[in-house]
Protein backbone atom coordinates (compact mmCIF):
# COMPACT_ATOMS: atom_id res chain seq x y z
CA MET A 1 202.17 137.90 -73.60
CA LYS A 2 203.56 141.16 -72.15
CA THR A 3 203.08 142.82 -75.48
CA LEU A 4 199.42 141.75 -75.64
CA VAL A 5 198.74 143.09 -72.12
CA VAL A 6 200.43 146.41 -72.94
CA ILE A 7 198.42 146.77 -76.18
CA LEU A 8 195.14 145.99 -74.37
CA MET A 9 195.95 148.58 -71.69
CA LEU A 10 196.70 151.23 -74.33
CA VAL A 11 193.48 150.47 -76.18
CA SER A 12 191.41 150.63 -72.96
CA PHE A 13 193.02 153.98 -72.01
CA SER A 14 192.21 155.38 -75.44
CA PHE A 15 188.53 154.34 -75.07
CA ASN A 16 188.37 155.89 -71.61
CA SER A 17 189.87 159.17 -72.82
CA TYR A 18 187.38 159.26 -75.71
CA ALA A 19 184.47 158.67 -73.30
CA GLN A 20 185.50 161.69 -71.21
CA ARG A 21 184.88 164.12 -74.06
CA ILE A 22 182.20 166.76 -73.18
CA THR A 23 179.39 167.29 -75.63
CA GLU A 24 177.35 170.48 -75.36
CA LEU A 25 173.67 170.15 -76.19
CA GLU A 26 171.38 172.87 -77.46
CA GLU A 27 168.88 174.37 -75.04
CA THR A 28 165.53 172.59 -75.04
CA LYS A 29 162.28 174.29 -74.11
CA ILE A 30 159.48 172.23 -72.66
CA ALA A 31 155.97 173.65 -72.46
CA TYR A 32 152.89 172.06 -70.99
CA SER A 33 149.64 172.96 -72.65
CA PRO A 34 146.32 172.33 -70.92
CA ILE A 35 144.70 171.75 -74.33
CA VAL A 36 145.72 169.22 -76.98
CA LEU A 37 144.55 169.21 -80.58
CA ALA A 38 142.60 165.99 -81.18
CA GLU A 39 142.30 164.12 -84.46
CA THR A 40 138.88 164.09 -86.09
CA ASP A 41 137.40 162.43 -89.18
CA ASN A 42 136.62 165.83 -90.69
CA PRO A 43 139.78 167.70 -91.83
CA ASP A 44 138.02 171.06 -91.33
CA GLU A 45 137.01 170.36 -87.73
CA TYR A 46 139.31 171.55 -84.94
CA ARG A 47 138.73 169.98 -81.54
CA TYR A 48 140.89 170.53 -78.49
CA GLU A 49 140.76 168.11 -75.57
CA VAL A 50 141.21 169.68 -72.14
CA ASN A 51 143.71 167.80 -69.98
CA ASP A 52 142.25 166.22 -66.85
CA GLY A 53 144.28 168.46 -64.53
CA PHE A 54 142.56 171.53 -65.98
CA ALA A 55 139.03 170.10 -66.37
CA ALA A 56 137.71 171.75 -63.19
CA GLU A 57 139.02 175.16 -64.25
CA PHE A 58 137.52 174.66 -67.73
CA THR A 59 134.11 173.63 -66.37
CA GLU A 60 133.98 176.51 -63.87
CA ASP A 61 134.51 179.28 -66.47
CA PRO A 62 134.94 177.99 -70.04
CA MET A 63 135.22 181.45 -71.62
CA ALA A 64 138.02 182.58 -69.29
CA PHE A 65 139.77 179.25 -69.81
CA MET A 66 139.64 179.66 -73.59
CA GLU A 67 140.94 183.22 -73.39
CA SER A 68 143.80 182.12 -71.12
CA TYR A 69 145.04 179.10 -73.03
CA PHE A 70 143.99 179.55 -76.67
CA ASP A 71 145.50 182.09 -79.05
CA ILE A 72 143.37 182.54 -82.17
CA SER A 73 146.20 184.39 -83.97
CA GLU A 74 148.52 181.40 -83.64
CA PHE A 75 145.69 179.10 -84.73
CA ILE A 76 144.99 181.17 -87.86
CA GLU A 77 148.72 181.16 -88.65
CA GLU A 78 148.79 177.35 -88.42
CA VAL A 79 145.85 176.88 -90.82
CA LYS A 80 146.62 179.80 -93.12
CA ASP A 81 146.96 177.53 -96.17
CA LYS A 82 143.21 176.80 -95.96
CA ASP A 83 140.94 179.64 -97.05
CA TYR A 84 138.21 179.71 -94.39
CA ASN A 85 135.51 182.37 -93.98
CA SER A 86 135.26 181.54 -90.28
CA TYR A 87 136.77 179.13 -87.77
CA LEU A 88 134.79 176.78 -85.54
CA VAL A 89 136.90 175.57 -82.64
CA ARG A 90 135.61 173.11 -80.03
CA PHE A 91 137.08 172.61 -76.55
CA SER A 92 135.88 169.51 -74.75
CA SER A 93 136.33 167.59 -71.51
CA ASP A 94 134.53 164.70 -69.85
CA LYS A 95 131.90 167.11 -68.46
CA GLY A 96 131.04 168.95 -71.68
CA PHE A 97 132.20 171.34 -74.37
CA LEU A 98 132.54 174.93 -75.53
CA GLU A 99 132.27 175.79 -79.22
CA ALA A 100 133.64 179.12 -80.37
CA ASN A 101 133.06 180.57 -83.82
CA TYR A 102 135.67 183.11 -84.96
CA SER A 103 135.60 185.36 -88.01
CA LYS A 104 138.28 185.19 -90.69
CA ASP A 105 140.07 188.04 -88.89
CA GLY A 106 140.07 186.26 -85.52
CA GLU A 107 137.15 188.10 -83.90
CA LEU A 108 134.94 185.97 -81.64
CA ASN A 109 131.44 185.87 -83.20
CA ARG A 110 129.47 183.45 -81.04
CA THR A 111 129.82 180.68 -78.51
CA ARG A 112 127.83 177.67 -77.40
CA GLN A 113 128.33 175.61 -74.23
CA LEU A 114 126.91 172.39 -72.86
CA PHE A 115 128.04 170.78 -69.61
CA LYS A 116 126.63 167.95 -67.50
CA ASP A 117 126.82 167.31 -63.75
CA VAL A 118 128.56 170.56 -62.88
CA ALA A 119 128.92 172.25 -59.51
CA LEU A 120 126.08 174.74 -59.26
CA PRO A 121 126.88 178.39 -58.46
CA LEU A 122 125.72 179.60 -55.05
CA ALA A 123 122.81 181.67 -56.39
CA VAL A 124 121.51 178.70 -58.42
CA ARG A 125 121.87 176.33 -55.44
CA ASN A 126 119.93 178.73 -53.23
CA GLU A 127 117.17 179.10 -55.83
CA LEU A 128 117.00 175.32 -56.30
CA TRP A 129 116.69 174.81 -52.55
CA ARG A 130 113.97 177.50 -52.36
CA GLN A 131 111.95 175.78 -55.12
CA THR A 132 112.54 172.15 -54.06
CA GLU A 133 113.13 172.03 -50.32
CA GLY A 134 113.33 168.38 -49.24
CA TRP A 135 114.09 167.08 -52.73
CA SER A 136 117.44 165.60 -53.82
CA MET A 137 119.31 166.56 -56.96
CA VAL A 138 120.09 163.58 -59.21
CA LYS A 139 121.73 165.25 -62.19
CA ASN A 140 122.02 168.59 -63.93
CA SER A 141 123.06 170.19 -67.18
CA TYR A 142 124.11 173.69 -68.16
CA LYS A 143 123.50 175.25 -71.58
CA ALA A 144 124.61 178.67 -72.71
CA LYS A 145 124.81 180.65 -75.94
CA GLY A 146 126.24 184.03 -76.62
CA LYS A 147 127.62 186.57 -79.03
CA ARG A 148 131.22 187.60 -78.73
CA ASP A 149 132.30 187.09 -75.12
CA LEU A 150 128.85 187.81 -73.60
CA LEU A 151 126.33 185.09 -72.80
CA ASP A 152 122.80 185.86 -74.07
CA GLN A 153 121.10 182.68 -72.85
CA GLU A 154 121.98 180.53 -69.84
CA GLN A 155 119.98 177.71 -68.32
CA TYR A 156 120.49 175.05 -65.69
CA ARG A 157 118.27 172.00 -66.13
CA ILE A 158 118.18 170.06 -62.86
CA LYS A 159 116.50 166.74 -62.13
CA VAL A 160 115.34 166.26 -58.54
CA VAL A 161 113.68 163.28 -56.82
CA LYS A 162 111.62 162.72 -53.68
CA ASN A 163 109.58 159.63 -52.66
CA ASN A 164 109.85 157.92 -56.07
CA LYS A 165 108.73 161.13 -57.80
CA SER A 166 110.96 163.17 -60.04
CA LYS A 167 110.74 166.54 -61.71
CA ILE A 168 112.86 168.83 -63.83
CA ILE A 169 113.61 172.35 -62.64
CA LYS A 170 114.90 174.95 -65.11
CA ILE A 171 116.75 177.91 -63.68
CA ASP A 172 118.05 180.93 -65.60
CA PRO A 173 120.78 182.52 -63.44
CA LYS A 174 120.10 185.98 -64.91
CA LYS A 175 116.45 185.86 -63.79
CA ILE A 176 117.15 184.84 -60.18
CA ASN A 177 117.86 188.40 -59.02
CA GLU A 178 114.99 189.78 -61.13
CA GLU A 179 112.49 187.45 -59.41
CA ARG A 180 113.74 188.45 -55.98
CA LEU A 181 113.32 192.16 -56.70
CA ALA A 182 109.83 191.67 -58.17
CA GLY A 183 108.70 189.53 -55.22
CA MET A 184 109.91 191.85 -52.46
C-alpha cells in the first residue's frame, strides 16, 4: 500500500511540474473595421455593410466615410485575379447606400447616393420651415450623384402633412443660397 501511495504522489508531482511549463504565444493583432464585405449572389458585385455603430457617421457624410475607411488600392490587390475595366463598390446601411465606381487604376469616376429618413442639414431645415410653416414632416429622402468626389446633383424630397393634406417638397441644397440672393 505504501508503494502505491508513493507512486501516485510521484505521478501527481510530475503532472504538476509539466503543467507549470510556460508557453509563449505569437503576437496577435486585432482590428475593428466599420465596414464588412457582404456575400451577394453575383460574384462580380462587391457590397460592404456599415456596422451599426458607424451608421450615423456614414449617413452624415458618406463620401468622407468611404475615404476614411475604404482603401481602393487594397481592394484592387484582393481582386487582382479578375480582369475588370472598372470596379463598382456599394456601401450600405439601414438608412441607405453609396455606390462608387472606380476606374481600373483606382481613380474615383462617379458616385450615387440614396438615403431615407435622414437628419436634415440646418440650411435645408430652415428652407423647409420657410416653405411649409405649420406643416409636419412625415418622411424624407436624399439623392445625390456626382463625378469624382464632387456632387453634381443633390435633392431632398420631403413629405409634409397638415389637416389630412399632404404634399411633397423638393429642395436642392445648392440652390438655397442662390434663391436668397436673388430674392433680396
